[in-house]
Amino acid sequence: MRNHTPVTEFLLMGIPHTRGLENVLFVLFLAFYLLTLLGNLLILLAILSSSNFYTPMYFFLGNLSVFDIFFPSVSSPKMMLCLMGQSRAISYGGCASQLFFYHFLGCTECFLYAVMAYDRFAAICHPLRHTVIMSWRACAIATLGAWMGSCLHASVLAFLVFKLPYCGPNKVDNFSCDVPVVLPLACADTSLAQTVSFTNVGVVALLCFLLILASYARVVASVLRIGPAEGGRRAFSTRGAHLTSILLFYGPVVLVYLRPASSPWLDSVVQVLSNIVTPSLNPLIYTLRNKDVKLALRKALNSRSA
């Protein structure tokens, strides 16, 4: 048996093939990050300031905004420090924490999208029973279940990845710690962690996505029966915004975790889209076509400036 020095820290190498673009990337990522914080805080302000939004849809949208604030905060601050020329090193515990919170917050969003799709299905396909199906008790149970299930998922994944010995190279080909880029650095058999990662992340996300598509297929069928009336157009507009957000969220997950071969450059670009770009677009997607949110936000801002 050869003696190995265990790894105590990892080096985040950032996005491959971007040397010399650090200043441009820093400004770009900082703008997206600030837009994410501002946009989601404004959505929360609008929802909390108006009693008209005390409905299941806006309850879940508020939860989504909270997670969209924390999700990019897992990796963005460290990434921007690296782009500014600060140390690329991250401690062993810091890397494990990044992986845990990335999957905890990401998995919770995955479940929230599925619950939101079911809420819209119940509202359109069963309007008379919607308040019974999506009661406040049901909403609380669904949200708590999403949190607890995601916490269990992230805990199992982090345990399997970081119980492995790391005794060789410590350069992570990305700007944050995640399963596809950390596992190759382990100096032991990683088949169990790879199998669980593929199942828990890729397959579960794909199943949730298929369930969402099934819900929206029923919604579209119901809306088509409404005809070209105003209610039908409004329903299509609202569902279209939600579906756009879903595609932007699930697309990167499927690309990273269900591909047979890993590509460091593609993984980095896809995670930039998932971690930074998508959370900044959600406030625009959910508010630009929503007159009620814009009106409530205008009233809330006017009342605070008066």
C-alpha atoms as a PDB file:
ATOM      1  CA  MET A   1       0.000   0.000   0.000  1.00  0.00           C
ATOM      2  CA  ARG A   2       1.343   3.414  -0.965  1.00  0.00           C
ATOM      3  CA  ASN A   3       1.033   6.323   1.421  1.00  0.00           C
ATOM      4  CA  HIS A   4      -1.082   9.223   0.142  1.00  0.00           C
ATOM      5  CA  THR A   5      -1.526  12.721   1.515  1.00  0.00           C
ATOM      6  CA  PRO A   6      -5.256  13.395   1.795  1.00  0.00           C
ATOM      7  CA  VAL A   7      -6.563  16.459  -0.044  1.00  0.00           C
ATOM      8  CA  THR A   8      -7.468  19.292   2.327  1.00  0.00           C
ATOM      9  CA  GLU A   9      -8.513  21.823  -0.308  1.00  0.00           C
ATOM     10  CA  PHE A  10      -9.549  22.027  -3.936  1.00  0.00           C
ATOM     11  CA  LEU A  11      -8.643  24.528  -6.637  1.00  0.00           C
ATOM     12  CA  LEU A  12     -11.530  25.941  -8.678  1.00  0.00           C
ATOM     13  CA  MET A  13     -10.102  26.364 -12.179  1.00  0.00           C
ATOM     14  CA  GLY A  14     -13.142  28.217 -13.541  1.00  0.00           C
ATOM     15  CA  ILE A  15     -14.557  27.986 -17.049  1.00  0.00           C
ATOM     16  CA  PRO A  16     -12.080  26.346 -19.454  1.00  0.00           C
ATOM     17  CA  HIS A  17     -10.732  28.362 -22.398  1.00  0.00           C
ATOM     18  CA  THR A  18     -11.668  31.759 -20.938  1.00  0.00           C
ATOM     19  CA  ARG A  19      -8.193  33.033 -20.020  1.00  0.00           C
ATOM     20  CA  GLY A  20      -7.981  36.786 -20.567  1.00  0.00           C
ATOM     21  CA  LEU A  21     -11.748  37.267 -20.255  1.00  0.00           C
ATOM     22  CA  GLU A  22     -11.821  37.493 -16.466  1.00  0.00           C
ATOM     23  CA  ASN A  23     -12.829  41.177 -16.303  1.00  0.00           C
ATOM     24  CA  VAL A  24     -15.592  40.769 -18.877  1.00  0.00           C
ATOM     25  CA  LEU A  25     -16.959  37.677 -17.146  1.00  0.00           C
ATOM     26  CA  PHE A  26     -16.816  39.386 -13.748  1.00  0.00           C
ATOM     27  CA  VAL A  27     -18.893  42.350 -14.935  1.00  0.00           C
ATOM     28  CA  LEU A  28     -21.343  40.068 -16.735  1.00  0.00           C
ATOM     29  CA  PHE A  29     -21.821  37.666 -13.811  1.00  0.00           C
ATOM     30  CA  LEU A  30     -22.066  40.496 -11.286  1.00  0.00           C
ATOM     31  CA  ALA A  31     -24.804  42.143 -13.371  1.00  0.00           C
ATOM     32  CA  PHE A  32     -26.787  38.889 -13.566  1.00  0.00           C
ATOM     33  CA  TYR A  33     -26.317  38.247  -9.844  1.00  0.00           C
ATOM     34  CA  LEU A  34     -27.508  41.720  -8.829  1.00  0.00           C
ATOM     35  CA  LEU A  35     -30.429  41.437 -11.258  1.00  0.00           C
ATOM     36  CA  THR A  36     -31.351  38.118  -9.632  1.00  0.00           C
ATOM     37  CA  LEU A  37     -31.318  39.582  -6.124  1.00  0.00           C
ATOM     38  CA  LEU A  38     -33.246  42.713  -7.090  1.00  0.00           C
ATOM     39  CA  GLY A  39     -35.842  40.966  -9.236  1.00  0.00           C
ATOM     40  CA  ASN A  40     -36.684  38.243  -6.736  1.00  0.00           C
ATOM     41  CA  LEU A  41     -36.770  40.665  -3.807  1.00  0.00           C
ATOM     42  CA  LEU A  42     -39.243  42.809  -5.749  1.00  0.00           C
ATOM     43  CA  ILE A  43     -41.454  39.767  -6.389  1.00  0.00           C
ATOM     44  CA  LEU A  44     -41.425  38.959  -2.674  1.00  0.00           C
ATOM     45  CA  LEU A  45     -42.281  42.583  -1.878  1.00  0.00           C
ATOM     46  CA  ALA A  46     -45.229  42.521  -4.286  1.00  0.00           C
ATOM     47  CA  ILE A  47     -46.575  39.218  -2.940  1.00  0.00           C
ATOM     48  CA  LEU A  48     -46.234  40.165   0.730  1.00  0.00           C
ATOM     49  CA  SER A  49     -47.703  43.653   0.287  1.00  0.00           C
ATOM     50  CA  SER A  50     -51.014  42.596  -1.289  1.00  0.00           C
ATOM     51  CA  SER A  51     -53.632  40.283   0.178  1.00  0.00           C
ATOM     52  CA  ASN A  52     -54.793  39.518  -3.369  1.00  0.00           C
ATOM     53  CA  PHE A  53     -51.749  37.288  -3.730  1.00  0.00           C
ATOM     54  CA  TYR A  54     -52.562  35.028  -0.786  1.00  0.00           C
ATOM     55  CA  THR A  55     -53.273  32.158  -3.172  1.00  0.00           C
ATOM     56  CA  PRO A  56     -51.466  28.840  -3.806  1.00  0.00           C
ATOM     57  CA  MET A  57     -49.896  30.051  -7.062  1.00  0.00           C
ATOM     58  CA  TYR A  58     -48.288  33.102  -5.464  1.00  0.00           C
ATOM     59  CA  PHE A  59     -47.389  31.132  -2.334  1.00  0.00           C
ATOM     60  CA  PHE A  60     -45.283  28.808  -4.483  1.00  0.00           C
ATOM     61  CA  LEU A  61     -43.965  31.715  -6.546  1.00  0.00           C
ATOM     62  CA  GLY A  62     -42.786  33.374  -3.323  1.00  0.00           C
ATOM     63  CA  ASN A  63     -41.013  30.172  -2.316  1.00  0.00           C
ATOM     64  CA  LEU A  64     -39.430  29.992  -5.758  1.00  0.00           C
ATOM     65  CA  SER A  65     -38.172  33.572  -5.414  1.00  0.00           C
ATOM     66  CA  VAL A  66     -36.555  32.757  -2.060  1.00  0.00           C
ATOM     67  CA  PHE A  67     -34.731  29.787  -3.554  1.00  0.00           C
ATOM     68  CA  ASP A  68     -33.746  31.826  -6.624  1.00  0.00           C
ATOM     69  CA  ILE A  69     -32.011  34.257  -4.251  1.00  0.00           C
ATOM     70  CA  PHE A  70     -30.077  31.568  -2.391  1.00  0.00           C
ATOM     71  CA  PHE A  71     -29.368  29.205  -5.319  1.00  0.00           C
ATOM     72  CA  PRO A  72     -26.901  31.470  -7.214  1.00  0.00           C
ATOM     73  CA  SER A  73     -25.456  32.634  -3.884  1.00  0.00           C
ATOM     74  CA  VAL A  74     -23.984  29.155  -3.341  1.00  0.00           C
ATOM     75  CA  SER A  75     -21.295  29.614  -5.995  1.00  0.00           C
ATOM     76  CA  SER A  76     -21.462  33.146  -7.449  1.00  0.00           C
ATOM     77  CA  PRO A  77     -19.565  35.054  -4.694  1.00  0.00           C
ATOM     78  CA  LYS A  78     -16.617  32.622  -4.754  1.00  0.00           C
ATOM     79  CA  MET A  79     -16.618  32.568  -8.555  1.00  0.00           C
ATOM     80  CA  MET A  80     -16.478  36.370  -8.766  1.00  0.00           C
ATOM     81  CA  LEU A  81     -13.663  36.473  -6.208  1.00  0.00           C
ATOM     82  CA  CYS A  82     -11.703  34.069  -8.403  1.00  0.00           C
ATOM     83  CA  LEU A  83     -12.349  36.255 -11.448  1.00  0.00           C
ATOM     84  CA  MET A  84     -10.987  39.242  -9.479  1.00  0.00           C
ATOM     85  CA  GLY A  85      -7.702  37.381  -8.991  1.00  0.00           C
ATOM     86  CA  GLN A  86      -8.315  36.136  -5.457  1.00  0.00           C
ATOM     87  CA  SER A  87      -7.313  32.651  -4.329  1.00  0.00           C
ATOM     88  CA  ARG A  88      -8.961  29.820  -6.242  1.00  0.00           C
ATOM     89  CA  ALA A  89      -8.608  27.481  -3.272  1.00  0.00           C
ATOM     90  CA  ILE A  90     -11.680  26.185  -1.462  1.00  0.00           C
ATOM     91  CA  SER A  91     -11.464  24.046   1.657  1.00  0.00           C
ATOM     92  CA  TYR A  92     -12.572  20.418   1.693  1.00  0.00           C
ATOM     93  CA  GLY A  93     -15.525  21.338   3.923  1.00  0.00           C
ATOM     94  CA  GLY A  94     -16.340  24.351   1.768  1.00  0.00           C
ATOM     95  CA  CYS A  95     -16.456  22.169  -1.332  1.00  0.00           C
ATOM     96  CA  ALA A  96     -18.752  19.678   0.426  1.00  0.00           C
ATOM     97  CA  SER A  97     -21.003  22.529   1.577  1.00  0.00           C
ATOM     98  CA  GLN A  98     -21.220  23.909  -1.946  1.00  0.00           C
ATOM     99  CA  LEU A  99     -22.270  20.531  -3.318  1.00  0.00           C
ATOM    100  CA  PHE A 100     -24.836  19.985  -0.552  1.00  0.00           C
ATOM    101  CA  PHE A 101     -26.543  23.370  -0.838  1.00  0.00           C
ATOM    102  CA  TYR A 102     -26.403  23.330  -4.630  1.00  0.00           C
ATOM    103  CA  HIS A 103     -28.345  20.063  -4.724  1.00  0.00           C
ATOM    104  CA  PHE A 104     -30.605  20.926  -1.779  1.00  0.00           C
ATOM    105  CA  LEU A 105     -31.754  24.216  -3.329  1.00  0.00           C
ATOM    106  CA  GLY A 106     -31.801  22.873  -6.881  1.00  0.00           C
ATOM    107  CA  CYS A 107     -33.814  19.771  -5.969  1.00  0.00           C
ATOM    108  CA  THR A 108     -36.295  21.873  -3.978  1.00  0.00           C
ATOM    109  CA  GLU A 109     -36.839  24.082  -7.027  1.00  0.00           C
ATOM    110  CA  CYS A 110     -37.324  20.943  -9.119  1.00  0.00           C
ATOM    111  CA  PHE A 111     -40.118  19.767  -6.819  1.00  0.00           C
ATOM    112  CA  LEU A 112     -41.618  23.254  -6.587  1.00  0.00           C
ATOM    113  CA  TYR A 113     -41.968  23.468 -10.358  1.00  0.00           C
ATOM    114  CA  ALA A 114     -43.808  20.138 -10.324  1.00  0.00           C
ATOM    115  CA  VAL A 115     -46.153  21.306  -7.545  1.00  0.00           C
ATOM    116  CA  MET A 116     -46.785  24.604  -9.351  1.00  0.00           C
ATOM    117  CA  ALA A 117     -47.690  22.694 -12.513  1.00  0.00           C
ATOM    118  CA  TYR A 118     -50.124  20.541 -10.529  1.00  0.00           C
ATOM    119  CA  ASP A 119     -51.651  23.670  -8.989  1.00  0.00           C
ATOM    120  CA  ARG A 120     -52.258  25.142 -12.450  1.00  0.00           C
ATOM    121  CA  PHE A 121     -53.706  21.816 -13.606  1.00  0.00           C
ATOM    122  CA  ALA A 122     -56.121  21.798 -10.656  1.00  0.00           C
ATOM    123  CA  ALA A 123     -57.040  25.469 -11.189  1.00  0.00           C
ATOM    124  CA  ILE A 124     -57.927  25.046 -14.872  1.00  0.00           C
ATOM    125  CA  CYS A 125     -59.124  21.456 -15.132  1.00  0.00           C
ATOM    126  CA  HIS A 126     -60.955  21.351 -11.773  1.00  0.00           C
ATOM    127  CA  PRO A 127     -61.769  25.009 -10.976  1.00  0.00           C
ATOM    128  CA  LEU A 128     -64.650  24.235  -8.599  1.00  0.00           C
ATOM    129  CA  ARG A 129     -62.498  21.909  -6.499  1.00  0.00           C
ATOM    130  CA  HIS A 130     -59.269  23.907  -6.742  1.00  0.00           C
ATOM    131  CA  THR A 131     -59.528  25.474  -3.275  1.00  0.00           C
ATOM    132  CA  VAL A 132     -60.161  22.034  -1.780  1.00  0.00           C
ATOM    133  CA  ILE A 133     -57.397  20.257  -3.698  1.00  0.00           C
ATOM    134  CA  MET A 134     -54.837  23.011  -3.074  1.00  0.00           C
ATOM    135  CA  SER A 135     -55.836  24.035   0.444  1.00  0.00           C
ATOM    136  CA  TRP A 136     -53.324  25.856   2.615  1.00  0.00           C
ATOM    137  CA  ARG A 137     -52.706  22.607   4.478  1.00  0.00           C
ATOM    138  CA  ALA A 138     -51.954  20.817   1.191  1.00  0.00           C
ATOM    139  CA  CYS A 139     -49.651  23.657   0.103  1.00  0.00           C
ATOM    140  CA  ALA A 140     -47.749  23.555   3.404  1.00  0.00           C
ATOM    141  CA  ILE A 141     -47.377  19.766   3.245  1.00  0.00           C
ATOM    142  CA  ALA A 142     -46.181  19.909  -0.378  1.00  0.00           C
ATOM    143  CA  THR A 143     -43.622  22.629   0.416  1.00  0.00           C
ATOM    144  CA  LEU A 144     -42.366  20.903   3.557  1.00  0.00           C
ATOM    145  CA  GLY A 145     -42.147  17.609   1.654  1.00  0.00           C
ATOM    146  CA  ALA A 146     -40.093  19.311  -1.071  1.00  0.00           C
ATOM    147  CA  TRP A 147     -37.682  20.725   1.522  1.00  0.00           C
ATOM    148  CA  MET A 148     -37.293  17.467   3.433  1.00  0.00           C
ATOM    149  CA  GLY A 149     -36.979  15.311   0.315  1.00  0.00           C
ATOM    150  CA  SER A 150     -34.361  17.664  -1.124  1.00  0.00           C
ATOM    151  CA  CYS A 151     -32.421  17.728   2.143  1.00  0.00           C
ATOM    152  CA  LEU A 152     -32.336  13.922   2.184  1.00  0.00           C
ATOM    153  CA  HIS A 153     -31.264  13.815  -1.468  1.00  0.00           C
ATOM    154  CA  ALA A 154     -28.464  16.348  -0.958  1.00  0.00           C
ATOM    155  CA  SER A 155     -27.269  14.669   2.258  1.00  0.00           C
ATOM    156  CA  VAL A 156     -27.007  11.234   0.628  1.00  0.00           C
ATOM    157  CA  LEU A 157     -25.234  12.633  -2.406  1.00  0.00           C
ATOM    158  CA  ALA A 158     -22.744  14.693  -0.381  1.00  0.00           C
ATOM    159  CA  PHE A 159     -22.037  11.735   1.917  1.00  0.00           C
ATOM    160  CA  LEU A 160     -21.360   9.335  -0.973  1.00  0.00           C
ATOM    161  CA  VAL A 161     -19.108  11.802  -2.788  1.00  0.00           C
ATOM    162  CA  PHE A 162     -17.047  12.989   0.177  1.00  0.00           C
ATOM    163  CA  LYS A 163     -16.679   9.678   1.996  1.00  0.00           C
ATOM    164  CA  LEU A 164     -14.364   8.710  -0.861  1.00  0.00           C
ATOM    165  CA  PRO A 165     -10.630   9.324  -0.385  1.00  0.00           C
ATOM    166  CA  TYR A 166      -9.103  12.220  -2.308  1.00  0.00           C
ATOM    167  CA  CYS A 167      -5.356  11.835  -2.387  1.00  0.00           C
ATOM    168  CA  GLY A 168      -4.176  12.974  -5.790  1.00  0.00           C
ATOM    169  CA  PRO A 169      -5.032  15.922  -8.051  1.00  0.00           C
ATOM    170  CA  ASN A 170      -7.229  18.617  -6.561  1.00  0.00           C
ATOM    171  CA  LYS A 171      -7.998  20.832  -9.568  1.00  0.00           C
ATOM    172  CA  VAL A 172     -11.746  21.159 -10.194  1.00  0.00           C
ATOM    173  CA  ASP A 173     -12.506  21.991 -13.833  1.00  0.00           C
ATOM    174  CA  ASN A 174     -15.333  24.343 -12.975  1.00  0.00           C
ATOM    175  CA  PHE A 175     -16.142  27.415 -10.890  1.00  0.00           C
ATOM    176  CA  SER A 176     -17.928  25.385  -8.188  1.00  0.00           C
ATOM    177  CA  CYS A 177     -17.944  21.899  -6.667  1.00  0.00           C
ATOM    178  CA  ASP A 178     -20.420  19.486  -8.206  1.00  0.00           C
ATOM    179  CA  VAL A 179     -20.584  15.737  -8.689  1.00  0.00           C
ATOM    180  CA  PRO A 180     -19.402  15.492 -12.340  1.00  0.00           C
ATOM    181  CA  VAL A 181     -16.217  17.483 -11.663  1.00  0.00           C
ATOM    182  CA  VAL A 182     -15.352  16.283  -8.138  1.00  0.00           C
ATOM    183  CA  LEU A 183     -15.844  12.520  -8.516  1.00  0.00           C
ATOM    184  CA  PRO A 184     -13.064  12.069 -11.131  1.00  0.00           C
ATOM    185  CA  LEU A 185     -10.579  13.343  -8.525  1.00  0.00           C
ATOM    186  CA  ALA A 186     -11.306  10.479  -6.087  1.00  0.00           C
ATOM    187  CA  CYS A 187      -8.702   7.726  -5.773  1.00  0.00           C
ATOM    188  CA  ALA A 188     -11.220   4.913  -5.189  1.00  0.00           C
ATOM    189  CA  ASP A 189     -14.133   3.221  -6.921  1.00  0.00           C
ATOM    190  CA  THR A 190     -16.804   5.826  -7.674  1.00  0.00           C
ATOM    191  CA  SER A 191     -19.410   3.572  -9.296  1.00  0.00           C
ATOM    192  CA  LEU A 192     -21.866   3.747  -6.368  1.00  0.00           C
ATOM    193  CA  ALA A 193     -21.721   7.552  -6.192  1.00  0.00           C
ATOM    194  CA  GLN A 194     -22.082   7.804  -9.974  1.00  0.00           C
ATOM    195  CA  THR A 195     -25.102   5.481  -9.995  1.00  0.00           C
ATOM    196  CA  VAL A 196     -26.846   7.345  -7.173  1.00  0.00           C
ATOM    197  CA  SER A 197     -26.049  10.696  -8.780  1.00  0.00           C
ATOM    198  CA  PHE A 198     -27.454   9.549 -12.125  1.00  0.00           C
ATOM    199  CA  THR A 199     -30.592   8.157 -10.483  1.00  0.00           C
ATOM    200  CA  ASN A 200     -31.260  10.876  -7.925  1.00  0.00           C
ATOM    201  CA  VAL A 201     -30.476  13.858 -10.125  1.00  0.00           C
ATOM    202  CA  GLY A 202     -30.924  12.925 -13.760  1.00  0.00           C
ATOM    203  CA  VAL A 203     -33.746  10.398 -13.637  1.00  0.00           C
ATOM    204  CA  VAL A 204     -35.755  12.149 -10.890  1.00  0.00           C
ATOM    205  CA  ALA A 205     -35.470  15.485 -12.716  1.00  0.00           C
ATOM    206  CA  LEU A 206     -36.517  13.830 -15.963  1.00  0.00           C
ATOM    207  CA  LEU A 207     -39.539  12.180 -14.295  1.00  0.00           C
ATOM    208  CA  CYS A 208     -40.595  15.494 -12.731  1.00  0.00           C
ATOM    209  CA  PHE A 209     -40.260  17.145 -16.127  1.00  0.00           C
ATOM    210  CA  LEU A 210     -42.400  14.471 -17.780  1.00  0.00           C
ATOM    211  CA  LEU A 211     -45.048  14.856 -15.055  1.00  0.00           C
ATOM    212  CA  ILE A 212     -45.064  18.605 -15.657  1.00  0.00           C
ATOM    213  CA  LEU A 213     -45.493  18.061 -19.393  1.00  0.00           C
ATOM    214  CA  ALA A 214     -48.386  15.666 -18.710  1.00  0.00           C
ATOM    215  CA  SER A 215     -50.056  18.276 -16.487  1.00  0.00           C
ATOM    216  CA  TYR A 216     -49.679  20.934 -19.147  1.00  0.00           C
ATOM    217  CA  ALA A 217     -51.005  18.628 -21.836  1.00  0.00           C
ATOM    218  CA  ARG A 218     -54.225  18.387 -19.822  1.00  0.00           C
ATOM    219  CA  VAL A 219     -54.170  22.152 -19.266  1.00  0.00           C
ATOM    220  CA  VAL A 220     -53.769  22.861 -22.997  1.00  0.00           C
ATOM    221  CA  ALA A 221     -56.626  20.503 -23.813  1.00  0.00           C
ATOM    222  CA  SER A 222     -58.861  22.308 -21.311  1.00  0.00           C
ATOM    223  CA  VAL A 223     -57.846  25.761 -22.554  1.00  0.00           C
ATOM    224  CA  LEU A 224     -58.554  24.789 -26.161  1.00  0.00           C
ATOM    225  CA  ARG A 225     -62.074  23.890 -25.108  1.00  0.00           C
ATOM    226  CA  ILE A 226     -62.463  27.412 -23.693  1.00  0.00           C
ATOM    227  CA  GLY A 227     -61.880  28.807 -27.177  1.00  0.00           C
ATOM    228  CA  PRO A 228     -60.281  32.097 -28.235  1.00  0.00           C
ATOM    229  CA  ALA A 229     -61.851  34.018 -25.380  1.00  0.00           C
ATOM    230  CA  GLU A 230     -59.906  36.333 -23.101  1.00  0.00           C
ATOM    231  CA  GLY A 231     -59.756  33.677 -20.385  1.00  0.00           C
ATOM    232  CA  GLY A 232     -58.188  31.220 -22.803  1.00  0.00           C
ATOM    233  CA  ARG A 233     -55.561  33.712 -24.005  1.00  0.00           C
ATOM    234  CA  ARG A 234     -54.703  34.697 -20.443  1.00  0.00           C
ATOM    235  CA  ALA A 235     -54.378  31.067 -19.393  1.00  0.00           C
ATOM    236  CA  PHE A 236     -52.042  30.381 -22.314  1.00  0.00           C
ATOM    237  CA  SER A 237     -49.961  33.456 -21.439  1.00  0.00           C
ATOM    238  CA  THR A 238     -49.547  32.462 -17.790  1.00  0.00           C
ATOM    239  CA  ARG A 239     -48.829  28.811 -18.565  1.00  0.00           C
ATOM    240  CA  GLY A 240     -46.400  29.819 -21.317  1.00  0.00           C
ATOM    241  CA  ALA A 241     -44.369  31.883 -18.841  1.00  0.00           C
ATOM    242  CA  HIS A 242     -44.238  28.982 -16.391  1.00  0.00           C
ATOM    243  CA  LEU A 243     -43.270  26.503 -19.123  1.00  0.00           C
ATOM    244  CA  THR A 244     -40.461  28.783 -20.329  1.00  0.00           C
ATOM    245  CA  SER A 245     -39.041  28.935 -16.813  1.00  0.00           C
ATOM    246  CA  ILE A 246     -39.298  25.147 -16.511  1.00  0.00           C
ATOM    247  CA  LEU A 247     -37.421  24.547 -19.774  1.00  0.00           C
ATOM    248  CA  LEU A 248     -34.640  26.917 -18.702  1.00  0.00           C
ATOM    249  CA  PHE A 249     -34.315  25.053 -15.384  1.00  0.00           C
ATOM    250  CA  TYR A 250     -34.609  21.418 -16.481  1.00  0.00           C
ATOM    251  CA  GLY A 251     -32.656  21.724 -19.740  1.00  0.00           C
ATOM    252  CA  PRO A 252     -29.246  22.263 -18.082  1.00  0.00           C
ATOM    253  CA  VAL A 253     -29.928  19.520 -15.499  1.00  0.00           C
ATOM    254  CA  VAL A 254     -30.634  16.927 -18.184  1.00  0.00           C
ATOM    255  CA  LEU A 255     -27.620  18.052 -20.240  1.00  0.00           C
ATOM    256  CA  VAL A 256     -25.180  17.738 -17.318  1.00  0.00           C
ATOM    257  CA  TYR A 257     -26.406  14.568 -15.600  1.00  0.00           C
ATOM    258  CA  LEU A 258     -27.850  12.419 -18.396  1.00  0.00           C
ATOM    259  CA  ARG A 259     -25.015  12.711 -20.934  1.00  0.00           C
ATOM    260  CA  PRO A 260     -22.846   9.572 -21.267  1.00  0.00           C
ATOM    261  CA  ALA A 261     -19.577  11.538 -21.463  1.00  0.00           C
ATOM    262  CA  SER A 262     -18.480  14.613 -19.534  1.00  0.00           C
ATOM    263  CA  SER A 263     -17.174  17.780 -21.174  1.00  0.00           C
ATOM    264  CA  PRO A 264     -15.617  20.311 -18.740  1.00  0.00           C
ATOM    265  CA  TRP A 265     -16.288  23.280 -21.010  1.00  0.00           C
ATOM    266  CA  LEU A 266     -19.910  22.313 -21.737  1.00  0.00           C
ATOM    267  CA  ASP A 267     -20.547  21.474 -18.064  1.00  0.00           C
ATOM    268  CA  SER A 268     -19.254  24.913 -17.026  1.00  0.00           C
ATOM    269  CA  VAL A 269     -21.319  26.789 -19.608  1.00  0.00           C
ATOM    270  CA  VAL A 270     -24.468  24.827 -18.757  1.00  0.00           C
ATOM    271  CA  GLN A 271     -23.987  25.459 -15.043  1.00  0.00           C
ATOM    272  CA  VAL A 272     -23.515  29.178 -15.677  1.00  0.00           C
ATOM    273  CA  LEU A 273     -26.877  29.104 -17.437  1.00  0.00           C
ATOM    274  CA  SER A 274     -28.475  27.149 -14.583  1.00  0.00           C
ATOM    275  CA  ASN A 275     -26.834  28.959 -11.641  1.00  0.00           C
ATOM    276  CA  ILE A 276     -26.732  32.555 -12.801  1.00  0.00           C
ATOM    277  CA  VAL A 277     -28.783  33.268 -15.910  1.00  0.00           C
ATOM    278  CA  THR A 278     -32.015  31.353 -15.203  1.00  0.00           C
ATOM    279  CA  PRO A 279     -32.606  32.783 -11.662  1.00  0.00           C
ATOM    280  CA  SER A 280     -32.230  36.296 -13.091  1.00  0.00           C
ATOM    281  CA  LEU A 281     -34.762  35.621 -15.844  1.00  0.00           C
ATOM    282  CA  ASN A 282     -37.492  34.154 -13.616  1.00  0.00           C
ATOM    283  CA  PRO A 283     -38.636  37.560 -12.241  1.00  0.00           C
ATOM    284  CA  LEU A 284     -38.929  38.870 -15.804  1.00  0.00           C
ATOM    285  CA  ILE A 285     -40.773  35.773 -16.993  1.00  0.00           C
ATOM    286  CA  TYR A 286     -43.291  35.869 -14.146  1.00  0.00           C
ATOM    287  CA  THR A 287     -43.895  39.634 -13.988  1.00  0.00           C
ATOM    288  CA  LEU A 288     -43.652  41.103 -17.497  1.00  0.00           C
ATOM    289  CA  ARG A 289     -46.890  39.371 -18.550  1.00  0.00           C
ATOM    290  CA  ASN A 290     -48.574  39.700 -15.147  1.00  0.00           C
ATOM    291  CA  LYS A 291     -50.440  42.980 -14.745  1.00  0.00           C
ATOM    292  CA  ASP A 292     -51.515  42.161 -11.182  1.00  0.00           C
ATOM    293  CA  VAL A 293     -47.911  41.755  -9.972  1.00  0.00           C
ATOM    294  CA  LYS A 294     -46.785  44.949 -11.707  1.00  0.00           C
ATOM    295  CA  LEU A 295     -49.696  46.903 -10.215  1.00  0.00           C
ATOM    296  CA  ALA A 296     -49.079  45.557  -6.707  1.00  0.00           C
ATOM    297  CA  LEU A 297     -45.376  46.299  -6.986  1.00  0.00           C
ATOM    298  CA  ARG A 298     -46.077  49.859  -8.153  1.00  0.00           C
ATOM    299  CA  LYS A 299     -48.415  50.429  -5.206  1.00  0.00           C
ATOM    300  CA  ALA A 300     -45.911  48.962  -2.741  1.00  0.00           C
ATOM    301  CA  LEU A 301     -43.086  51.172  -4.023  1.00  0.00           C
ATOM    302  CA  ASN A 302     -45.302  54.264  -4.063  1.00  0.00           C
ATOM    303  CA  SER A 303     -46.474  53.664  -0.484  1.00  0.00           C
ATOM    304  CA  ARG A 304     -42.864  53.411   0.723  1.00  0.00           C
ATOM    305  CA  SER A 305     -41.744  56.524  -1.127  1.00  0.00           C
ATOM    306  CA  ALA A 306     -44.703  58.584   0.093  1.00  0.00           C
END
